[in-house]
N, C-alpha and C. Protein backbone atom coordinates (compact mmCIF):
# COMPACT_ATOMS: atom_id res chain seq x y z
N MET A 1 13.55 -28.37 -2.83
CA MET A 1 13.23 -27.37 -3.83
C MET A 1 14.27 -27.50 -4.95
N GLN A 2 13.81 -27.30 -6.17
CA GLN A 2 14.69 -27.38 -7.32
C GLN A 2 14.82 -26.00 -7.96
N VAL A 3 16.05 -25.63 -8.34
CA VAL A 3 16.30 -24.33 -8.95
C VAL A 3 17.14 -24.49 -10.22
N ILE A 4 16.98 -23.51 -11.11
CA ILE A 4 17.83 -23.40 -12.30
C ILE A 4 18.80 -22.26 -12.05
N ILE A 5 20.09 -22.55 -12.18
CA ILE A 5 21.11 -21.53 -11.97
C ILE A 5 21.59 -21.02 -13.33
N PHE A 6 21.68 -19.69 -13.44
CA PHE A 6 22.12 -19.08 -14.70
C PHE A 6 23.05 -17.92 -14.41
N ASN A 7 23.78 -17.51 -15.43
CA ASN A 7 24.76 -16.42 -15.31
C ASN A 7 24.26 -15.17 -16.01
N LEU A 8 24.53 -14.04 -15.37
CA LEU A 8 24.40 -12.72 -15.97
C LEU A 8 25.69 -12.00 -15.64
N GLY A 9 26.48 -11.72 -16.66
CA GLY A 9 27.78 -11.14 -16.39
C GLY A 9 28.60 -12.10 -15.54
N GLU A 10 29.20 -11.60 -14.48
CA GLU A 10 30.02 -12.43 -13.59
C GLU A 10 29.22 -13.01 -12.43
N GLU A 11 27.95 -12.71 -12.36
CA GLU A 11 27.13 -13.14 -11.22
C GLU A 11 26.24 -14.33 -11.57
N GLN A 12 25.91 -15.11 -10.53
CA GLN A 12 25.01 -16.25 -10.72
C GLN A 12 23.69 -15.97 -10.02
N PHE A 13 22.61 -16.37 -10.70
CA PHE A 13 21.26 -16.19 -10.19
C PHE A 13 20.51 -17.51 -10.32
N ALA A 14 19.37 -17.61 -9.63
CA ALA A 14 18.56 -18.82 -9.70
C ALA A 14 17.09 -18.46 -9.69
N VAL A 15 16.29 -19.32 -10.32
CA VAL A 15 14.83 -19.26 -10.23
C VAL A 15 14.34 -20.67 -9.92
N LYS A 16 13.21 -20.75 -9.24
CA LYS A 16 12.63 -22.05 -8.94
C LYS A 16 12.15 -22.70 -10.24
N THR A 17 12.37 -24.00 -10.37
CA THR A 17 11.97 -24.69 -11.59
C THR A 17 10.45 -24.73 -11.75
N GLU A 18 9.71 -24.60 -10.68
CA GLU A 18 8.25 -24.66 -10.77
C GLU A 18 7.66 -23.54 -11.61
N VAL A 19 8.39 -22.45 -11.82
CA VAL A 19 7.89 -21.35 -12.64
C VAL A 19 8.44 -21.38 -14.07
N VAL A 20 9.39 -22.29 -14.33
CA VAL A 20 10.03 -22.35 -15.64
C VAL A 20 9.21 -23.23 -16.58
N GLN A 21 8.90 -22.68 -17.75
CA GLN A 21 8.18 -23.44 -18.77
C GLN A 21 9.12 -24.02 -19.82
N ASN A 22 10.19 -23.29 -20.12
CA ASN A 22 11.03 -23.67 -21.24
C ASN A 22 12.37 -22.96 -21.14
N ILE A 23 13.40 -23.56 -21.71
CA ILE A 23 14.70 -22.91 -21.86
C ILE A 23 15.08 -23.06 -23.33
N THR A 24 15.38 -21.95 -23.98
CA THR A 24 15.70 -21.99 -25.40
C THR A 24 16.96 -21.17 -25.68
N ASP A 25 17.51 -21.38 -26.87
CA ASP A 25 18.57 -20.49 -27.33
C ASP A 25 17.94 -19.13 -27.60
N MET A 26 18.76 -18.10 -27.60
CA MET A 26 18.26 -16.77 -27.89
C MET A 26 17.72 -16.75 -29.31
N MET A 27 16.58 -16.09 -29.48
CA MET A 27 15.96 -16.01 -30.79
C MET A 27 15.82 -14.56 -31.20
N GLU A 28 15.29 -14.34 -32.39
CA GLU A 28 15.15 -12.99 -32.90
C GLU A 28 14.21 -12.18 -32.00
N VAL A 29 14.64 -10.98 -31.67
CA VAL A 29 13.88 -10.10 -30.79
C VAL A 29 13.35 -8.93 -31.61
N THR A 30 12.05 -8.67 -31.51
CA THR A 30 11.44 -7.53 -32.17
C THR A 30 11.34 -6.40 -31.15
N ARG A 31 12.02 -5.32 -31.41
CA ARG A 31 12.00 -4.17 -30.50
C ARG A 31 10.62 -3.54 -30.48
N VAL A 32 10.25 -2.98 -29.34
CA VAL A 32 8.96 -2.32 -29.17
C VAL A 32 9.23 -0.84 -28.88
N PRO A 33 8.82 0.05 -29.79
CA PRO A 33 9.05 1.48 -29.56
C PRO A 33 8.38 1.96 -28.26
N LYS A 34 9.10 2.80 -27.54
CA LYS A 34 8.61 3.44 -26.32
C LYS A 34 8.31 2.46 -25.19
N ALA A 35 8.79 1.24 -25.28
CA ALA A 35 8.64 0.28 -24.18
C ALA A 35 9.64 0.65 -23.08
N PRO A 36 9.37 0.27 -21.84
CA PRO A 36 10.36 0.51 -20.78
C PRO A 36 11.70 -0.12 -21.16
N LYS A 37 12.79 0.46 -20.67
CA LYS A 37 14.13 -0.01 -21.04
C LYS A 37 14.37 -1.47 -20.66
N TYR A 38 13.74 -1.96 -19.59
CA TYR A 38 13.97 -3.34 -19.16
C TYR A 38 13.26 -4.36 -20.06
N ILE A 39 12.45 -3.91 -21.02
CA ILE A 39 11.82 -4.80 -21.99
C ILE A 39 12.72 -4.82 -23.23
N LYS A 40 13.38 -5.94 -23.47
CA LYS A 40 14.24 -6.05 -24.65
C LYS A 40 13.42 -6.05 -25.93
N GLY A 41 12.19 -6.57 -25.83
CA GLY A 41 11.32 -6.64 -26.99
C GLY A 41 10.40 -7.83 -26.89
N LEU A 42 9.96 -8.32 -28.05
CA LEU A 42 9.04 -9.46 -28.12
C LEU A 42 9.71 -10.59 -28.88
N ILE A 43 9.42 -11.82 -28.46
CA ILE A 43 9.90 -13.00 -29.17
C ILE A 43 8.70 -13.85 -29.54
N ASN A 44 8.87 -14.67 -30.57
CA ASN A 44 7.82 -15.56 -31.01
C ASN A 44 8.24 -16.99 -30.71
N LEU A 45 7.57 -17.61 -29.74
CA LEU A 45 7.89 -18.99 -29.35
C LEU A 45 6.74 -19.88 -29.77
N ARG A 46 6.93 -20.61 -30.85
CA ARG A 46 5.91 -21.53 -31.37
C ARG A 46 4.55 -20.86 -31.52
N GLY A 47 4.55 -19.65 -32.09
CA GLY A 47 3.30 -18.94 -32.36
C GLY A 47 2.80 -18.08 -31.21
N ASN A 48 3.45 -18.15 -30.06
CA ASN A 48 3.08 -17.31 -28.92
C ASN A 48 4.03 -16.12 -28.82
N VAL A 49 3.47 -14.92 -28.77
CA VAL A 49 4.28 -13.72 -28.63
C VAL A 49 4.51 -13.48 -27.14
N ILE A 50 5.78 -13.36 -26.78
CA ILE A 50 6.17 -13.28 -25.37
C ILE A 50 7.09 -12.07 -25.17
N SER A 51 6.86 -11.33 -24.10
CA SER A 51 7.74 -10.21 -23.74
C SER A 51 9.06 -10.78 -23.22
N LEU A 52 10.15 -10.14 -23.61
CA LEU A 52 11.48 -10.56 -23.17
C LEU A 52 12.06 -9.47 -22.26
N LEU A 53 12.34 -9.84 -21.02
CA LEU A 53 12.87 -8.89 -20.04
C LEU A 53 14.39 -8.93 -20.03
N ASP A 54 15.00 -7.78 -19.80
CA ASP A 54 16.44 -7.67 -19.65
C ASP A 54 16.74 -7.62 -18.15
N LEU A 55 17.09 -8.76 -17.57
CA LEU A 55 17.36 -8.82 -16.13
C LEU A 55 18.57 -7.98 -15.74
N ASN A 56 19.50 -7.76 -16.69
CA ASN A 56 20.65 -6.91 -16.38
C ASN A 56 20.20 -5.55 -15.88
N LEU A 57 19.18 -5.00 -16.53
CA LEU A 57 18.69 -3.67 -16.13
C LEU A 57 17.87 -3.76 -14.83
N LEU A 58 17.02 -4.77 -14.72
CA LEU A 58 16.20 -4.90 -13.51
C LEU A 58 17.04 -5.15 -12.27
N LEU A 59 18.09 -5.94 -12.42
CA LEU A 59 18.92 -6.33 -11.28
C LEU A 59 20.19 -5.49 -11.15
N ASP A 60 20.39 -4.55 -12.08
CA ASP A 60 21.56 -3.66 -12.07
C ASP A 60 22.86 -4.46 -12.06
N VAL A 61 22.97 -5.39 -13.01
CA VAL A 61 24.17 -6.23 -13.13
C VAL A 61 25.18 -5.51 -14.01
N LYS A 62 26.40 -5.42 -13.53
CA LYS A 62 27.47 -4.75 -14.27
C LYS A 62 28.18 -5.74 -15.19
N GLY A 63 28.85 -5.21 -16.20
CA GLY A 63 29.65 -6.04 -17.09
C GLY A 63 28.82 -6.94 -17.98
N LYS A 64 27.64 -6.49 -18.35
CA LYS A 64 26.75 -7.33 -19.15
C LYS A 64 27.21 -7.40 -20.61
N LYS A 65 26.84 -8.51 -21.24
CA LYS A 65 27.08 -8.65 -22.67
C LYS A 65 25.90 -8.02 -23.40
N GLU A 66 26.16 -7.54 -24.61
CA GLU A 66 25.07 -6.97 -25.41
C GLU A 66 24.08 -8.06 -25.83
N GLU A 67 24.61 -9.21 -26.25
CA GLU A 67 23.77 -10.30 -26.72
C GLU A 67 23.83 -11.45 -25.73
N HIS A 68 22.69 -11.99 -25.40
CA HIS A 68 22.60 -13.13 -24.49
C HIS A 68 22.53 -14.41 -25.30
N ASP A 69 22.88 -15.52 -24.68
CA ASP A 69 22.89 -16.81 -25.37
C ASP A 69 21.61 -17.62 -25.19
N SER A 70 20.90 -17.40 -24.09
CA SER A 70 19.73 -18.23 -23.78
C SER A 70 18.56 -17.40 -23.29
N THR A 71 17.39 -18.01 -23.38
CA THR A 71 16.16 -17.41 -22.85
C THR A 71 15.48 -18.43 -21.96
N ILE A 72 15.09 -17.99 -20.77
CA ILE A 72 14.31 -18.84 -19.88
C ILE A 72 12.89 -18.30 -19.91
N ILE A 73 11.93 -19.16 -20.29
CA ILE A 73 10.52 -18.77 -20.32
C ILE A 73 9.93 -19.14 -18.97
N ILE A 74 9.41 -18.12 -18.27
CA ILE A 74 8.82 -18.35 -16.95
C ILE A 74 7.34 -18.00 -16.99
N LYS A 75 6.60 -18.59 -16.09
CA LYS A 75 5.16 -18.34 -15.97
C LYS A 75 4.95 -17.49 -14.73
N ILE A 76 4.38 -16.31 -14.94
CA ILE A 76 4.04 -15.41 -13.83
C ILE A 76 2.54 -15.22 -13.89
N GLY A 77 1.82 -15.85 -12.97
CA GLY A 77 0.36 -15.82 -13.02
C GLY A 77 -0.10 -16.53 -14.28
N ASP A 78 -0.86 -15.84 -15.12
CA ASP A 78 -1.33 -16.42 -16.37
C ASP A 78 -0.46 -16.03 -17.56
N GLU A 79 0.60 -15.29 -17.32
CA GLU A 79 1.41 -14.76 -18.41
C GLU A 79 2.77 -15.43 -18.49
N ALA A 80 3.18 -15.76 -19.72
CA ALA A 80 4.54 -16.26 -19.96
C ALA A 80 5.43 -15.07 -20.30
N VAL A 81 6.61 -15.05 -19.72
CA VAL A 81 7.58 -13.98 -19.93
C VAL A 81 8.94 -14.61 -20.13
N GLY A 82 9.72 -14.05 -21.04
CA GLY A 82 11.08 -14.54 -21.25
C GLY A 82 12.07 -13.68 -20.49
N ILE A 83 13.11 -14.31 -19.98
CA ILE A 83 14.21 -13.55 -19.39
C ILE A 83 15.49 -13.93 -20.14
N ALA A 84 16.20 -12.92 -20.59
CA ALA A 84 17.43 -13.12 -21.35
C ALA A 84 18.58 -13.35 -20.36
N VAL A 85 19.32 -14.46 -20.55
CA VAL A 85 20.43 -14.78 -19.67
C VAL A 85 21.66 -15.09 -20.51
N ASP A 86 22.84 -14.95 -19.91
CA ASP A 86 24.07 -15.24 -20.64
C ASP A 86 24.20 -16.74 -20.87
N THR A 87 24.16 -17.52 -19.81
CA THR A 87 24.22 -18.98 -19.93
C THR A 87 23.40 -19.63 -18.82
N VAL A 88 22.82 -20.77 -19.12
CA VAL A 88 22.15 -21.58 -18.11
C VAL A 88 23.18 -22.60 -17.64
N GLU A 89 23.45 -22.62 -16.33
CA GLU A 89 24.50 -23.47 -15.79
C GLU A 89 24.02 -24.87 -15.44
N GLU A 90 23.00 -24.95 -14.56
CA GLU A 90 22.60 -26.27 -14.06
C GLU A 90 21.26 -26.20 -13.35
N VAL A 91 20.70 -27.39 -13.14
CA VAL A 91 19.49 -27.55 -12.33
C VAL A 91 19.92 -28.27 -11.06
N LEU A 92 19.56 -27.72 -9.91
CA LEU A 92 19.98 -28.29 -8.63
C LEU A 92 18.81 -28.49 -7.69
N ASP A 93 18.88 -29.56 -6.91
CA ASP A 93 17.98 -29.74 -5.77
C ASP A 93 18.67 -29.13 -4.57
N ILE A 94 17.97 -28.21 -3.89
CA ILE A 94 18.56 -27.58 -2.71
C ILE A 94 17.60 -27.71 -1.53
N ASP A 95 18.15 -27.59 -0.36
CA ASP A 95 17.35 -27.56 0.85
C ASP A 95 16.98 -26.10 1.11
N GLU A 96 15.70 -25.83 1.34
CA GLU A 96 15.27 -24.44 1.53
C GLU A 96 15.94 -23.78 2.72
N SER A 97 16.51 -24.57 3.63
CA SER A 97 17.16 -23.99 4.81
C SER A 97 18.43 -23.22 4.45
N ILE A 98 18.99 -23.43 3.23
CA ILE A 98 20.20 -22.69 2.87
C ILE A 98 19.89 -21.32 2.27
N ILE A 99 18.60 -20.99 2.10
CA ILE A 99 18.24 -19.67 1.59
C ILE A 99 18.38 -18.65 2.71
N GLU A 100 19.25 -17.68 2.49
CA GLU A 100 19.44 -16.61 3.46
C GLU A 100 18.61 -15.41 3.02
N ASN A 101 17.71 -14.97 3.88
CA ASN A 101 16.89 -13.81 3.56
C ASN A 101 17.74 -12.55 3.62
N ILE A 102 17.37 -11.59 2.79
CA ILE A 102 18.07 -10.31 2.79
C ILE A 102 17.30 -9.39 3.74
N GLU A 103 18.00 -8.83 4.71
CA GLU A 103 17.36 -8.01 5.75
C GLU A 103 16.60 -6.82 5.18
N ASP A 104 17.30 -5.93 4.50
CA ASP A 104 16.67 -4.73 3.95
C ASP A 104 16.43 -4.96 2.47
N ASN A 105 15.23 -5.39 2.13
CA ASN A 105 14.93 -5.83 0.77
C ASN A 105 14.20 -4.76 -0.03
N ARG A 106 14.06 -3.55 0.47
CA ARG A 106 13.32 -2.51 -0.25
C ARG A 106 13.96 -2.15 -1.58
N ASP A 107 15.28 -2.04 -1.61
CA ASP A 107 15.97 -1.68 -2.85
C ASP A 107 16.19 -2.89 -3.76
N LYS A 108 15.95 -4.08 -3.24
CA LYS A 108 16.18 -5.31 -3.99
C LYS A 108 14.87 -6.08 -4.09
N LYS A 109 13.87 -5.43 -4.63
CA LYS A 109 12.52 -6.01 -4.61
C LYS A 109 12.36 -7.27 -5.44
N TYR A 110 13.28 -7.55 -6.36
CA TYR A 110 13.18 -8.76 -7.20
C TYR A 110 13.93 -9.94 -6.59
N ILE A 111 14.61 -9.72 -5.49
CA ILE A 111 15.45 -10.76 -4.90
C ILE A 111 14.74 -11.40 -3.71
N LYS A 112 14.65 -12.73 -3.76
CA LYS A 112 13.99 -13.49 -2.69
C LYS A 112 14.98 -13.81 -1.58
N GLY A 113 16.22 -14.04 -1.93
CA GLY A 113 17.24 -14.37 -0.94
C GLY A 113 18.53 -14.76 -1.63
N VAL A 114 19.45 -15.30 -0.84
CA VAL A 114 20.75 -15.70 -1.35
C VAL A 114 20.99 -17.15 -0.97
N LEU A 115 21.48 -17.93 -1.93
CA LEU A 115 21.86 -19.32 -1.68
C LEU A 115 23.36 -19.34 -1.46
N ASN A 116 23.78 -19.81 -0.31
CA ASN A 116 25.19 -19.85 0.02
C ASN A 116 25.59 -21.31 0.18
N PHE A 117 26.19 -21.88 -0.86
CA PHE A 117 26.55 -23.29 -0.83
C PHE A 117 27.71 -23.57 -1.77
N ASN A 118 28.40 -24.67 -1.51
CA ASN A 118 29.50 -25.12 -2.37
C ASN A 118 30.47 -23.99 -2.70
N ASP A 119 30.82 -23.17 -1.74
CA ASP A 119 31.78 -22.07 -1.93
C ASP A 119 31.35 -21.07 -3.00
N ARG A 120 30.06 -20.89 -3.17
CA ARG A 120 29.58 -19.87 -4.11
C ARG A 120 28.29 -19.27 -3.57
N ILE A 121 28.02 -18.07 -4.04
CA ILE A 121 26.81 -17.36 -3.64
C ILE A 121 25.96 -17.15 -4.88
N VAL A 122 24.69 -17.58 -4.80
CA VAL A 122 23.76 -17.47 -5.92
C VAL A 122 22.56 -16.68 -5.43
N THR A 123 22.15 -15.67 -6.18
CA THR A 123 21.01 -14.83 -5.82
C THR A 123 19.73 -15.48 -6.35
N LEU A 124 18.77 -15.71 -5.46
CA LEU A 124 17.49 -16.31 -5.83
C LEU A 124 16.51 -15.20 -6.20
N ILE A 125 15.98 -15.26 -7.44
CA ILE A 125 15.07 -14.24 -7.96
C ILE A 125 13.64 -14.57 -7.59
N ASP A 126 12.88 -13.57 -7.16
CA ASP A 126 11.44 -13.70 -6.91
C ASP A 126 10.73 -13.29 -8.20
N VAL A 127 10.44 -14.28 -9.07
CA VAL A 127 9.88 -13.96 -10.39
C VAL A 127 8.50 -13.34 -10.31
N GLY A 128 7.78 -13.57 -9.26
CA GLY A 128 6.45 -12.98 -9.10
C GLY A 128 6.48 -11.47 -9.04
N ARG A 129 7.63 -10.90 -8.72
CA ARG A 129 7.76 -9.45 -8.63
C ARG A 129 8.37 -8.81 -9.86
N LEU A 130 8.70 -9.61 -10.88
CA LEU A 130 9.34 -9.06 -12.07
C LEU A 130 8.39 -8.18 -12.88
N ILE A 131 7.13 -8.57 -12.95
CA ILE A 131 6.14 -7.74 -13.66
C ILE A 131 4.99 -7.46 -12.73
N ASN A 132 4.35 -6.34 -12.95
CA ASN A 132 3.22 -5.95 -12.11
C ASN A 132 1.92 -6.33 -12.79
């Protein structure tokens, strides 16, 4: 399995590359009045209007920066969605056996598991649960 590892604040997260369509620098965000707080706004990617999610709010990450440096465009079903991240670190091939499931996942509904390797812990995001 291949994953993209990215930073939010001091924490590292990962998504499977099979759901990633594109990685871009942060672009202009158009705010949407009365949208849920986890929606940063809308971005225009080559003529396609895409919702941009603030993972800091969804994942309750502390020490977040106001402005992110990168956007990862992911495909959830038929919809493309952007996620704002601080930095994209690397793409890695991992063995699925290193994914540790989280026992009580009710409060962490966006988390698929934890990757524990190379003296670091990376949280694997279940992108299918980011939007309903």
